[in-house]
Amino acid sequence: MVSFLFACHGLQGFGFLGGIDGQGTAVPFGSFPGWWGSVLEFVCSVLVLVGVAARPAAVLASGAMAYAYFVVHQPTGLLPLHNMGELAALYSWSFLLIAVLGPGRYTLTRLIRR
């Protein structure tokens, strides 16, 4: 579920699912960190969702969200509740947990190994 929601979040950067403003606006192509962050969010979430290279993808997703938190959110307030960084913090810790524990037993990789 975390990967699915993260993929939806990444798709918003490309203008899908209401875009970044609810009006279908996409992040400008190639812009850093917005567009590249959307690419990382979508690709990493799909990899974790299907279980292919899930641990490295989860580490990368966790790092991307930690970067988003500390660069975008944290300068405006100390706590996530004050700086609107709750999602970034939750995604960062969730993907770090997936990186440590693994993707679980229902993955594409496990199906291919059979």
PDB file of N, CA and C in Angstrom:
ATOM      1  N   MET A   1       0.826  -1.183   0.000  1.00  0.00           N
ATOM      2  CA  MET A   1       0.000   0.000   0.000  1.00  0.00           C
ATOM      3  C   MET A   1       0.874   1.251   0.000  1.00  0.00           C
ATOM      4  N   VAL A   2       1.963   1.214   0.751  1.00  0.00           N
ATOM      5  CA  VAL A   2       2.870   2.362   0.798  1.00  0.00           C
ATOM      6  C   VAL A   2       3.420   2.641  -0.605  1.00  0.00           C
ATOM      7  N   SER A   3       3.820   1.591  -1.311  1.00  0.00           N
ATOM      8  CA  SER A   3       4.364   1.774  -2.655  1.00  0.00           C
ATOM      9  C   SER A   3       3.313   2.311  -3.613  1.00  0.00           C
ATOM     10  N   PHE A   4       2.093   1.804  -3.531  1.00  0.00           N
ATOM     11  CA  PHE A   4       1.025   2.282  -4.404  1.00  0.00           C
ATOM     12  C   PHE A   4       0.763   3.768  -4.178  1.00  0.00           C
ATOM     13  N   LEU A   5       0.650   4.183  -2.931  1.00  0.00           N
ATOM     14  CA  LEU A   5       0.401   5.593  -2.625  1.00  0.00           C
ATOM     15  C   LEU A   5       1.579   6.465  -3.039  1.00  0.00           C
ATOM     16  N   PHE A   6       2.786   5.942  -2.889  1.00  0.00           N
ATOM     17  CA  PHE A   6       3.980   6.681  -3.295  1.00  0.00           C
ATOM     18  C   PHE A   6       4.010   6.842  -4.817  1.00  0.00           C
ATOM     19  N   ALA A   7       3.584   5.814  -5.544  1.00  0.00           N
ATOM     20  CA  ALA A   7       3.508   5.905  -7.010  1.00  0.00           C
ATOM     21  C   ALA A   7       2.494   6.978  -7.404  1.00  0.00           C
ATOM     22  N   CYS A   8       1.381   7.027  -6.722  1.00  0.00           N
ATOM     23  CA  CYS A   8       0.381   8.067  -7.002  1.00  0.00           C
ATOM     24  C   CYS A   8       0.967   9.452  -6.750  1.00  0.00           C
ATOM     25  N   HIS A   9       1.730   9.572  -5.698  1.00  0.00           N
ATOM     26  CA  HIS A   9       2.385  10.840  -5.372  1.00  0.00           C
ATOM     27  C   HIS A   9       3.367  11.230  -6.471  1.00  0.00           C
ATOM     28  N   GLY A  10       4.119  10.261  -6.983  1.00  0.00           N
ATOM     29  CA  GLY A  10       5.049  10.531  -8.078  1.00  0.00           C
ATOM     30  C   GLY A  10       4.322  10.929  -9.351  1.00  0.00           C
ATOM     31  N   LEU A  11       3.189  10.289  -9.636  1.00  0.00           N
ATOM     32  CA  LEU A  11       2.415  10.617 -10.833  1.00  0.00           C
ATOM     33  C   LEU A  11       1.858  12.038 -10.788  1.00  0.00           C
ATOM     34  N   GLN A  12       1.611  12.548  -9.611  1.00  0.00           N
ATOM     35  CA  GLN A  12       1.128  13.923  -9.494  1.00  0.00           C
ATOM     36  C   GLN A  12       2.145  14.913 -10.073  1.00  0.00           C
ATOM     37  N   GLY A  13       3.412  14.619  -9.920  1.00  0.00           N
ATOM     38  CA  GLY A  13       4.442  15.502 -10.458  1.00  0.00           C
ATOM     39  C   GLY A  13       4.431  15.580 -11.977  1.00  0.00           C
ATOM     40  N   PHE A  14       3.840  14.569 -12.613  1.00  0.00           N
ATOM     41  CA  PHE A  14       3.736  14.558 -14.073  1.00  0.00           C
ATOM     42  C   PHE A  14       2.390  15.086 -14.552  1.00  0.00           C
ATOM     43  N   GLY A  15       1.560  15.566 -13.638  1.00  0.00           N
ATOM     44  CA  GLY A  15       0.274  16.143 -13.995  1.00  0.00           C
ATOM     45  C   GLY A  15      -0.900  15.192 -13.885  1.00  0.00           C
ATOM     46  N   PHE A  16      -0.669  13.949 -13.518  1.00  0.00           N
ATOM     47  CA  PHE A  16      -1.751  12.978 -13.364  1.00  0.00           C
ATOM     48  C   PHE A  16      -2.394  13.111 -11.987  1.00  0.00           C
ATOM     49  N   LEU A  17      -3.568  12.547 -11.847  1.00  0.00           N
ATOM     50  CA  LEU A  17      -4.285  12.497 -10.557  1.00  0.00           C
ATOM     51  C   LEU A  17      -4.455  13.881  -9.937  1.00  0.00           C
ATOM     52  N   GLY A  18      -4.700  14.869 -10.784  1.00  0.00           N
ATOM     53  CA  GLY A  18      -4.901  16.228 -10.298  1.00  0.00           C
ATOM     54  C   GLY A  18      -3.659  17.091 -10.329  1.00  0.00           C
ATOM     55  N   GLY A  19      -2.506  16.507 -10.596  1.00  0.00           N
ATOM     56  CA  GLY A  19      -1.273  17.292 -10.647  1.00  0.00           C
ATOM     57  C   GLY A  19      -0.861  17.836  -9.300  1.00  0.00           C
ATOM     58  N   ILE A  20       0.057  18.764  -9.336  1.00  0.00           N
ATOM     59  CA  ILE A  20       0.605  19.287  -8.081  1.00  0.00           C
ATOM     60  C   ILE A  20      -0.284  20.353  -7.447  1.00  0.00           C
ATOM     61  N   ASP A  21      -1.277  20.837  -8.219  1.00  0.00           N
ATOM     62  CA  ASP A  21      -2.148  21.878  -7.691  1.00  0.00           C
ATOM     63  C   ASP A  21      -3.630  21.519  -7.728  1.00  0.00           C
ATOM     64  N   GLY A  22      -3.944  20.282  -8.105  1.00  0.00           N
ATOM     65  CA  GLY A  22      -5.333  19.873  -8.214  1.00  0.00           C
ATOM     66  C   GLY A  22      -5.966  20.247  -9.545  1.00  0.00           C
ATOM     67  N   GLN A  23      -5.224  20.968 -10.381  1.00  0.00           N
ATOM     68  CA  GLN A  23      -5.721  21.407 -11.684  1.00  0.00           C
ATOM     69  C   GLN A  23      -5.026  20.690 -12.831  1.00  0.00           C
ATOM     70  N   GLY A  24      -4.198  19.698 -12.527  1.00  0.00           N
ATOM     71  CA  GLY A  24      -3.499  18.944 -13.566  1.00  0.00           C
ATOM     72  C   GLY A  24      -2.161  19.534 -13.968  1.00  0.00           C
ATOM     73  N   THR A  25      -1.650  20.450 -13.186  1.00  0.00           N
ATOM     74  CA  THR A  25      -0.358  21.063 -13.486  1.00  0.00           C
ATOM     75  C   THR A  25       0.777  20.104 -13.146  1.00  0.00           C
ATOM     76  N   ALA A  26       1.714  19.978 -14.070  1.00  0.00           N
ATOM     77  CA  ALA A  26       2.882  19.115 -13.856  1.00  0.00           C
ATOM     78  C   ALA A  26       4.073  19.960 -13.431  1.00  0.00           C
ATOM     79  N   VAL A  27       5.032  19.323 -12.818  1.00  0.00           N
ATOM     80  CA  VAL A  27       6.298  19.969 -12.494  1.00  0.00           C
ATOM     81  C   VAL A  27       7.029  20.187 -13.819  1.00  0.00           C
ATOM     82  N   PRO A  28       7.689  21.320 -14.017  1.00  0.00           N
ATOM     83  CA  PRO A  28       8.398  21.553 -15.277  1.00  0.00           C
ATOM     84  C   PRO A  28       9.400  20.435 -15.583  1.00  0.00           C
ATOM     85  N   PHE A  29       9.392  19.990 -16.830  1.00  0.00           N
ATOM     86  CA  PHE A  29      10.251  18.874 -17.259  1.00  0.00           C
ATOM     87  C   PHE A  29      11.715  19.154 -16.947  1.00  0.00           C
ATOM     88  N   GLY A  30      12.366  18.191 -16.310  1.00  0.00           N
ATOM     89  CA  GLY A  30      13.793  18.271 -16.026  1.00  0.00           C
ATOM     90  C   GLY A  30      14.175  19.136 -14.845  1.00  0.00           C
ATOM     91  N   SER A  31      13.196  19.762 -14.185  1.00  0.00           N
ATOM     92  CA  SER A  31      13.528  20.647 -13.069  1.00  0.00           C
ATOM     93  C   SER A  31      14.013  19.835 -11.868  1.00  0.00           C
ATOM     94  N   PHE A  32      14.945  20.425 -11.129  1.00  0.00           N
ATOM     95  CA  PHE A  32      15.471  19.781  -9.927  1.00  0.00           C
ATOM     96  C   PHE A  32      15.026  20.587  -8.733  1.00  0.00           C
ATOM     97  N   PRO A  33      14.556  19.981  -7.728  1.00  0.00           N
ATOM     98  CA  PRO A  33      14.394  18.570  -7.472  1.00  0.00           C
ATOM     99  C   PRO A  33      13.020  18.024  -7.863  1.00  0.00           C
ATOM    100  N   GLY A  34      12.076  18.892  -8.252  1.00  0.00           N
ATOM    101  CA  GLY A  34      10.692  18.477  -8.467  1.00  0.00           C
ATOM    102  C   GLY A  34      10.489  17.364  -9.474  1.00  0.00           C
ATOM    103  N   TRP A  35      10.925  17.572 -10.714  1.00  0.00           N
ATOM    104  CA  TRP A  35      10.690  16.569 -11.744  1.00  0.00           C
ATOM    105  C   TRP A  35      11.481  15.302 -11.455  1.00  0.00           C
ATOM    106  N   TRP A  36      12.741  15.462 -11.102  1.00  0.00           N
ATOM    107  CA  TRP A  36      13.578  14.287 -10.806  1.00  0.00           C
ATOM    108  C   TRP A  36      13.065  13.551  -9.574  1.00  0.00           C
ATOM    109  N   GLY A  37      12.541  14.280  -8.618  1.00  0.00           N
ATOM    110  CA  GLY A  37      11.933  13.640  -7.454  1.00  0.00           C
ATOM    111  C   GLY A  37      10.723  12.809  -7.842  1.00  0.00           C
ATOM    112  N   SER A  38       9.929  13.322  -8.764  1.00  0.00           N
ATOM    113  CA  SER A  38       8.764  12.567  -9.245  1.00  0.00           C
ATOM    114  C   SER A  38       9.189  11.293  -9.960  1.00  0.00           C
ATOM    115  N   VAL A  39      10.260  11.377 -10.736  1.00  0.00           N
ATOM    116  CA  VAL A  39      10.786  10.194 -11.419  1.00  0.00           C
ATOM    117  C   VAL A  39      11.223   9.158 -10.383  1.00  0.00           C
ATOM    118  N   LEU A  40      12.009   9.598  -9.390  1.00  0.00           N
ATOM    119  CA  LEU A  40      12.466   8.683  -8.336  1.00  0.00           C
ATOM    120  C   LEU A  40      11.289   8.074  -7.591  1.00  0.00           C
ATOM    121  N   GLU A  41      10.322   8.887  -7.255  1.00  0.00           N
ATOM    122  CA  GLU A  41       9.164   8.390  -6.511  1.00  0.00           C
ATOM    123  C   GLU A  41       8.438   7.306  -7.301  1.00  0.00           C
ATOM    124  N   PHE A  42       8.187   7.562  -8.572  1.00  0.00           N
ATOM    125  CA  PHE A  42       7.432   6.597  -9.366  1.00  0.00           C
ATOM    126  C   PHE A  42       8.225   5.320  -9.616  1.00  0.00           C
ATOM    127  N   VAL A  43       9.459   5.454 -10.069  1.00  0.00           N
ATOM    128  CA  VAL A  43      10.267   4.272 -10.399  1.00  0.00           C
ATOM    129  C   VAL A  43      10.532   3.425  -9.154  1.00  0.00           C
ATOM    130  N   CYS A  44      10.949   4.061  -8.072  1.00  0.00           N
ATOM    131  CA  CYS A  44      11.240   3.312  -6.846  1.00  0.00           C
ATOM    132  C   CYS A  44       9.988   2.637  -6.300  1.00  0.00           C
ATOM    133  N   SER A  45       8.862   3.319  -6.367  1.00  0.00           N
ATOM    134  CA  SER A  45       7.642   2.712  -5.841  1.00  0.00           C
ATOM    135  C   SER A  45       7.222   1.496  -6.658  1.00  0.00           C
ATOM    136  N   VAL A  46       7.376   1.562  -7.974  1.00  0.00           N
ATOM    137  CA  VAL A  46       7.030   0.409  -8.806  1.00  0.00           C
ATOM    138  C   VAL A  46       7.971  -0.754  -8.512  1.00  0.00           C
ATOM    139  N   LEU A  47       9.261  -0.473  -8.376  1.00  0.00           N
ATOM    140  CA  LEU A  47      10.225  -1.540  -8.075  1.00  0.00           C
ATOM    141  C   LEU A  47       9.915  -2.200  -6.733  1.00  0.00           C
ATOM    142  N   VAL A  48       9.589  -1.405  -5.730  1.00  0.00           N
ATOM    143  CA  VAL A  48       9.256  -1.975  -4.424  1.00  0.00           C
ATOM    144  C   VAL A  48       7.933  -2.729  -4.508  1.00  0.00           C
ATOM    145  N   LEU A  49       6.983  -2.189  -5.233  1.00  0.00           N
ATOM    146  CA  LEU A  49       5.673  -2.817  -5.351  1.00  0.00           C
ATOM    147  C   LEU A  49       5.748  -4.206  -5.954  1.00  0.00           C
ATOM    148  N   VAL A  50       6.568  -4.374  -7.002  1.00  0.00           N
ATOM    149  CA  VAL A  50       6.681  -5.689  -7.632  1.00  0.00           C
ATOM    150  C   VAL A  50       7.785  -6.536  -7.010  1.00  0.00           C
ATOM    151  N   GLY A  51       8.617  -5.942  -6.178  1.00  0.00           N
ATOM    152  CA  GLY A  51       9.646  -6.702  -5.479  1.00  0.00           C
ATOM    153  C   GLY A  51      10.909  -6.930  -6.271  1.00  0.00           C
ATOM    154  N   VAL A  52      11.160  -6.130  -7.286  1.00  0.00           N
ATOM    155  CA  VAL A  52      12.382  -6.246  -8.090  1.00  0.00           C
ATOM    156  C   VAL A  52      13.353  -5.173  -7.605  1.00  0.00           C
ATOM    157  N   ALA A  53      14.515  -5.599  -7.103  1.00  0.00           N
ATOM    158  CA  ALA A  53      15.505  -4.679  -6.525  1.00  0.00           C
ATOM    159  C   ALA A  53      14.834  -3.800  -5.464  1.00  0.00           C
ATOM    160  N   ALA A  54      14.001  -4.424  -4.661  1.00  0.00           N
ATOM    161  CA  ALA A  54      13.175  -3.686  -3.710  1.00  0.00           C
ATOM    162  C   ALA A  54      13.995  -2.997  -2.622  1.00  0.00           C
ATOM    163  N   ARG A  55      14.992  -3.661  -2.109  1.00  0.00           N
ATOM    164  CA  ARG A  55      15.769  -3.040  -1.023  1.00  0.00           C
ATOM    165  C   ARG A  55      16.543  -1.808  -1.494  1.00  0.00           C
ATOM    166  N   PRO A  56      17.305  -1.891  -2.608  1.00  0.00           N
ATOM    167  CA  PRO A  56      17.979  -0.666  -3.083  1.00  0.00           C
ATOM    168  C   PRO A  56      16.993   0.442  -3.456  1.00  0.00           C
ATOM    169  N   ALA A  57      15.874   0.058  -4.070  1.00  0.00           N
ATOM    170  CA  ALA A  57      14.866   1.054  -4.437  1.00  0.00           C
ATOM    171  C   ALA A  57      14.269   1.697  -3.192  1.00  0.00           C
ATOM    172  N   ALA A  58      14.050   0.911  -2.143  1.00  0.00           N
ATOM    173  CA  ALA A  58      13.500   1.446  -0.897  1.00  0.00           C
ATOM    174  C   ALA A  58      14.493   2.390  -0.224  1.00  0.00           C
ATOM    175  N   VAL A  59      15.772   2.069  -0.272  1.00  0.00           N
ATOM    176  CA  VAL A  59      16.798   2.967   0.284  1.00  0.00           C
ATOM    177  C   VAL A  59      16.799   4.287  -0.473  1.00  0.00           C
ATOM    178  N   LEU A  60      16.725   4.209  -1.795  1.00  0.00           N
ATOM    179  CA  LEU A  60      16.714   5.414  -2.626  1.00  0.00           C
ATOM    180  C   LEU A  60      15.455   6.249  -2.355  1.00  0.00           C
ATOM    181  N   ALA A  61      14.309   5.593  -2.252  1.00  0.00           N
ATOM    182  CA  ALA A  61      13.064   6.305  -1.953  1.00  0.00           C
ATOM    183  C   ALA A  61      13.130   6.951  -0.573  1.00  0.00           C
ATOM    184  N   SER A  62      13.682   6.242   0.397  1.00  0.00           N
ATOM    185  CA  SER A  62      13.820   6.785   1.743  1.00  0.00           C
ATOM    186  C   SER A  62      14.729   8.011   1.739  1.00  0.00           C
ATOM    187  N   GLY A  63      15.825   7.914   1.023  1.00  0.00           N
ATOM    188  CA  GLY A  63      16.746   9.045   0.926  1.00  0.00           C
ATOM    189  C   GLY A  63      16.133  10.239   0.225  1.00  0.00           C
ATOM    190  N   ALA A  64      15.363   9.985  -0.814  1.00  0.00           N
ATOM    191  CA  ALA A  64      14.702  11.075  -1.536  1.00  0.00           C
ATOM    192  C   ALA A  64      13.726  11.810  -0.627  1.00  0.00           C
ATOM    193  N   MET A  65      13.001  11.055   0.187  1.00  0.00           N
ATOM    194  CA  MET A  65      12.044  11.688   1.090  1.00  0.00           C
ATOM    195  C   MET A  65      12.739  12.379   2.261  1.00  0.00           C
ATOM    196  N   ALA A  66      13.871  11.838   2.705  1.00  0.00           N
ATOM    197  CA  ALA A  66      14.647  12.525   3.744  1.00  0.00           C
ATOM    198  C   ALA A  66      15.173  13.849   3.191  1.00  0.00           C
ATOM    199  N   TYR A  67      15.653  13.832   1.957  1.00  0.00           N
ATOM    200  CA  TYR A  67      16.115  15.064   1.298  1.00  0.00           C
ATOM    201  C   TYR A  67      14.962  16.065   1.208  1.00  0.00           C
ATOM    202  N   ALA A  68      13.795  15.589   0.762  1.00  0.00           N
ATOM    203  CA  ALA A  68      12.632  16.468   0.653  1.00  0.00           C
ATOM    204  C   ALA A  68      12.283  17.071   2.008  1.00  0.00           C
ATOM    205  N   TYR A  69      12.349  16.264   3.037  1.00  0.00           N
ATOM    206  CA  TYR A  69      12.008  16.780   4.360  1.00  0.00           C
ATOM    207  C   TYR A  69      12.996  17.843   4.815  1.00  0.00           C
ATOM    208  N   PHE A  70      14.282  17.524   4.760  1.00  0.00           N
ATOM    209  CA  PHE A  70      15.274  18.445   5.316  1.00  0.00           C
ATOM    210  C   PHE A  70      15.514  19.679   4.454  1.00  0.00           C
ATOM    211  N   VAL A  71      15.342  19.578   3.145  1.00  0.00           N
ATOM    212  CA  VAL A  71      15.596  20.725   2.275  1.00  0.00           C
ATOM    213  C   VAL A  71      14.351  21.588   2.087  1.00  0.00           C
ATOM    214  N   VAL A  72      13.198  20.946   1.922  1.00  0.00           N
ATOM    215  CA  VAL A  72      11.985  21.705   1.621  1.00  0.00           C
ATOM    216  C   VAL A  72      11.189  22.036   2.880  1.00  0.00           C
ATOM    217  N   HIS A  73      10.982  21.070   3.753  1.00  0.00           N
ATOM    218  CA  HIS A  73      10.069  21.258   4.877  1.00  0.00           C
ATOM    219  C   HIS A  73      10.736  21.770   6.147  1.00  0.00           C
ATOM    220  N   GLN A  74      11.818  21.178   6.550  1.00  0.00           N
ATOM    221  CA  GLN A  74      12.420  21.480   7.852  1.00  0.00           C
ATOM    222  C   GLN A  74      12.818  22.945   8.027  1.00  0.00           C
ATOM    223  N   PRO A  75      13.280  23.659   6.994  1.00  0.00           N
ATOM    224  CA  PRO A  75      13.627  25.071   7.214  1.00  0.00           C
ATOM    225  C   PRO A  75      12.448  25.958   7.646  1.00  0.00           C
ATOM    226  N   THR A  76      11.206  25.533   7.394  1.00  0.00           N
ATOM    227  CA  THR A  76      10.065  26.375   7.760  1.00  0.00           C
ATOM    228  C   THR A  76       9.513  26.082   9.156  1.00  0.00           C
ATOM    229  N   GLY A  77      10.008  25.053   9.810  1.00  0.00           N
ATOM    230  CA  GLY A  77       9.551  24.736  11.153  1.00  0.00           C
ATOM    231  C   GLY A  77      10.262  23.510  11.678  1.00  0.00           C
ATOM    232  N   LEU A  78      10.352  23.390  12.982  1.00  0.00           N
ATOM    233  CA  LEU A  78      11.108  22.301  13.588  1.00  0.00           C
ATOM    234  C   LEU A  78      10.417  20.948  13.461  1.00  0.00           C
ATOM    235  N   LEU A  79       9.146  20.888  13.743  1.00  0.00           N
ATOM    236  CA  LEU A  79       8.426  19.614  13.755  1.00  0.00           C
ATOM    237  C   LEU A  79       7.648  19.399  12.461  1.00  0.00           C
ATOM    238  N   PRO A  80       7.480  18.134  12.050  1.00  0.00           N
ATOM    239  CA  PRO A  80       6.715  17.855  10.826  1.00  0.00           C
ATOM    240  C   PRO A  80       5.304  18.448  10.848  1.00  0.00           C
ATOM    241  N   LEU A  81       4.687  18.499  12.000  1.00  0.00           N
ATOM    242  CA  LEU A  81       3.354  19.078  12.107  1.00  0.00           C
ATOM    243  C   LEU A  81       3.371  20.570  11.792  1.00  0.00           C
ATOM    244  N   HIS A  82       4.478  21.230  12.099  1.00  0.00           N
ATOM    245  CA  HIS A  82       4.586  22.673  11.873  1.00  0.00           C
ATOM    246  C   HIS A  82       5.059  23.028  10.468  1.00  0.00           C
ATOM    247  N   ASN A  83       5.765  22.119   9.797  1.00  0.00           N
ATOM    248  CA  ASN A  83       6.335  22.455   8.491  1.00  0.00           C
ATOM    249  C   ASN A  83       5.690  21.685   7.336  1.00  0.00           C
ATOM    250  N   MET A  84       4.558  21.013   7.586  1.00  0.00           N
ATOM    251  CA  MET A  84       3.822  20.234   6.589  1.00  0.00           C
ATOM    252  C   MET A  84       4.683  19.125   5.971  1.00  0.00           C
ATOM    253  N   GLY A  85       5.582  18.566   6.759  1.00  0.00           N
ATOM    254  CA  GLY A  85       6.456  17.518   6.271  1.00  0.00           C
ATOM    255  C   GLY A  85       6.096  16.124   6.757  1.00  0.00           C
ATOM    256  N   GLU A  86       4.841  15.942   7.201  1.00  0.00           N
ATOM    257  CA  GLU A  86       4.442  14.639   7.730  1.00  0.00           C
ATOM    258  C   GLU A  86       4.588  13.534   6.695  1.00  0.00           C
ATOM    259  N   LEU A  87       4.106  13.775   5.466  1.00  0.00           N
ATOM    260  CA  LEU A  87       4.193  12.741   4.438  1.00  0.00           C
ATOM    261  C   LEU A  87       5.631  12.394   4.100  1.00  0.00           C
ATOM    262  N   ALA A  88       6.473  13.399   3.960  1.00  0.00           N
ATOM    263  CA  ALA A  88       7.874  13.137   3.640  1.00  0.00           C
ATOM    264  C   ALA A  88       8.524  12.304   4.742  1.00  0.00           C
ATOM    265  N   ALA A  89       8.259  12.646   5.991  1.00  0.00           N
ATOM    266  CA  ALA A  89       8.833  11.894   7.110  1.00  0.00           C
ATOM    267  C   ALA A  89       8.288  10.467   7.148  1.00  0.00           C
ATOM    268  N   LEU A  90       6.982  10.304   6.979  1.00  0.00           N
ATOM    269  CA  LEU A  90       6.384   8.966   7.003  1.00  0.00           C
ATOM    270  C   LEU A  90       6.900   8.096   5.862  1.00  0.00           C
ATOM    271  N   TYR A  91       6.967   8.653   4.655  1.00  0.00           N
ATOM    272  CA  TYR A  91       7.488   7.881   3.524  1.00  0.00           C
ATOM    273  C   TYR A  91       8.952   7.514   3.745  1.00  0.00           C
ATOM    274  N   SER A  92       9.735   8.448   4.256  1.00  0.00           N
ATOM    275  CA  SER A  92      11.150   8.172   4.486  1.00  0.00           C
ATOM    276  C   SER A  92      11.324   7.009   5.457  1.00  0.00           C
ATOM    277  N   TRP A  93      10.624   7.048   6.583  1.00  0.00           N
ATOM    278  CA  TRP A  93      10.753   5.986   7.578  1.00  0.00           C
ATOM    279  C   TRP A  93      10.129   4.678   7.097  1.00  0.00           C
ATOM    280  N   SER A  94       9.022   4.767   6.358  1.00  0.00           N
ATOM    281  CA  SER A  94       8.374   3.554   5.840  1.00  0.00           C
ATOM    282  C   SER A  94       9.273   2.818   4.860  1.00  0.00           C
ATOM    283  N   PHE A  95       9.889   3.558   3.947  1.00  0.00           N
ATOM    284  CA  PHE A  95      10.760   2.908   2.969  1.00  0.00           C
ATOM    285  C   PHE A  95      12.066   2.429   3.617  1.00  0.00           C
ATOM    286  N   LEU A  96      12.522   3.111   4.652  1.00  0.00           N
ATOM    287  CA  LEU A  96      13.692   2.607   5.370  1.00  0.00           C
ATOM    288  C   LEU A  96      13.356   1.277   6.043  1.00  0.00           C
ATOM    289  N   LEU A  97      12.177   1.163   6.580  1.00  0.00           N
ATOM    290  CA  LEU A  97      11.728  -0.095   7.181  1.00  0.00           C
ATOM    291  C   LEU A  97      11.636  -1.202   6.132  1.00  0.00           C
ATOM    292  N   ILE A  98      11.114  -0.887   4.961  1.00  0.00           N
ATOM    293  CA  ILE A  98      11.046  -1.875   3.877  1.00  0.00           C
ATOM    294  C   ILE A  98      12.454  -2.288   3.451  1.00  0.00           C
ATOM    295  N   ALA A  99      13.376  -1.339   3.407  1.00  0.00           N
ATOM    296  CA  ALA A  99      14.758  -1.663   3.033  1.00  0.00           C
ATOM    297  C   ALA A  99      15.390  -2.617   4.039  1.00  0.00           C
ATOM    298  N   VAL A 100      15.084  -2.445   5.304  1.00  0.00           N
ATOM    299  CA  VAL A 100      15.659  -3.298   6.345  1.00  0.00           C
ATOM    300  C   VAL A 100      14.982  -4.667   6.393  1.00  0.00           C
ATOM    301  N   LEU A 101      13.662  -4.687   6.356  1.00  0.00           N
ATOM    302  CA  LEU A 101      12.916  -5.938   6.498  1.00  0.00           C
ATOM    303  C   LEU A 101      12.717  -6.693   5.193  1.00  0.00           C
ATOM    304  N   GLY A 102      12.820  -6.009   4.073  1.00  0.00           N
ATOM    305  CA  GLY A 102      12.597  -6.638   2.778  1.00  0.00           C
ATOM    306  C   GLY A 102      11.171  -6.430   2.307  1.00  0.00           C
ATOM    307  N   PRO A 103      10.886  -6.787   1.072  1.00  0.00           N
ATOM    308  CA  PRO A 103       9.580  -6.516   0.484  1.00  0.00           C
ATOM    309  C   PRO A 103       8.481  -7.496   0.876  1.00  0.00           C
ATOM    310  N   GLY A 104       8.824  -8.590   1.493  1.00  0.00           N
ATOM    311  CA  GLY A 104       7.811  -9.571   1.870  1.00  0.00           C
ATOM    312  C   GLY A 104       7.818 -10.778   0.953  1.00  0.00           C
ATOM    313  N   ARG A 105       6.847 -11.655   1.140  1.00  0.00           N
ATOM    314  CA  ARG A 105       6.860 -12.913   0.401  1.00  0.00           C
ATOM    315  C   ARG A 105       6.137 -12.846  -0.929  1.00  0.00           C
ATOM    316  N   TYR A 106       5.274 -11.881  -1.156  1.00  0.00           N
ATOM    317  CA  TYR A 106       4.507 -11.812  -2.396  1.00  0.00           C
ATOM    318  C   TYR A 106       5.137 -10.809  -3.350  1.00  0.00           C
ATOM    319  N   THR A 107       6.198 -11.237  -4.034  1.00  0.00           N
ATOM    320  CA  THR A 107       6.905 -10.364  -4.959  1.00  0.00           C
ATOM    321  C   THR A 107       7.103 -11.062  -6.299  1.00  0.00           C
ATOM    322  N   LEU A 108       7.350 -10.265  -7.305  1.00  0.00           N
ATOM    323  CA  LEU A 108       7.616 -10.801  -8.633  1.00  0.00           C
ATOM    324  C   LEU A 108       8.917 -11.605  -8.643  1.00  0.00           C
ATOM    325  N   THR A 109       9.906 -11.156  -7.913  1.00  0.00           N
ATOM    326  CA  THR A 109      11.186 -11.852  -7.845  1.00  0.00           C
ATOM    327  C   THR A 109      11.009 -13.275  -7.311  1.00  0.00           C
ATOM    328  N   ARG A 110      10.229 -13.428  -6.264  1.00  0.00           N
ATOM    329  CA  ARG A 110       9.985 -14.756  -5.684  1.00  0.00           C
ATOM    330  C   ARG A 110       9.232 -15.648  -6.667  1.00  0.00           C
ATOM    331  N   LEU A 111       8.294 -15.061  -7.400  1.00  0.00           N
ATOM    332  CA  LEU A 111       7.544 -15.826  -8.397  1.00  0.00           C
ATOM    333  C   LEU A 111       8.464 -16.303  -9.527  1.00  0.00           C
ATOM    334  N   ILE A 112       9.381 -15.472  -9.949  1.00  0.00           N
ATOM    335  CA  ILE A 112      10.321 -15.834 -11.017  1.00  0.00           C
ATOM    336  C   ILE A 112      11.265 -16.931 -10.541  1.00  0.00           C
ATOM    337  N   ARG A 113      11.709 -16.882  -9.305  1.00  0.00           N
ATOM    338  CA  ARG A 113      12.623 -17.893  -8.766  1.00  0.00           C
ATOM    339  C   ARG A 113      11.998 -19.273  -8.714  1.00  0.00           C
ATOM    340  N   ARG A 114      10.677 -19.341  -8.577  1.00  0.00           N
ATOM    341  CA  ARG A 114       9.992 -20.639  -8.531  1.00  0.00           C
ATOM    342  C   ARG A 114      10.095 -21.266  -9.883  1.00  0.00           C
TER     343      ARG A 114
END
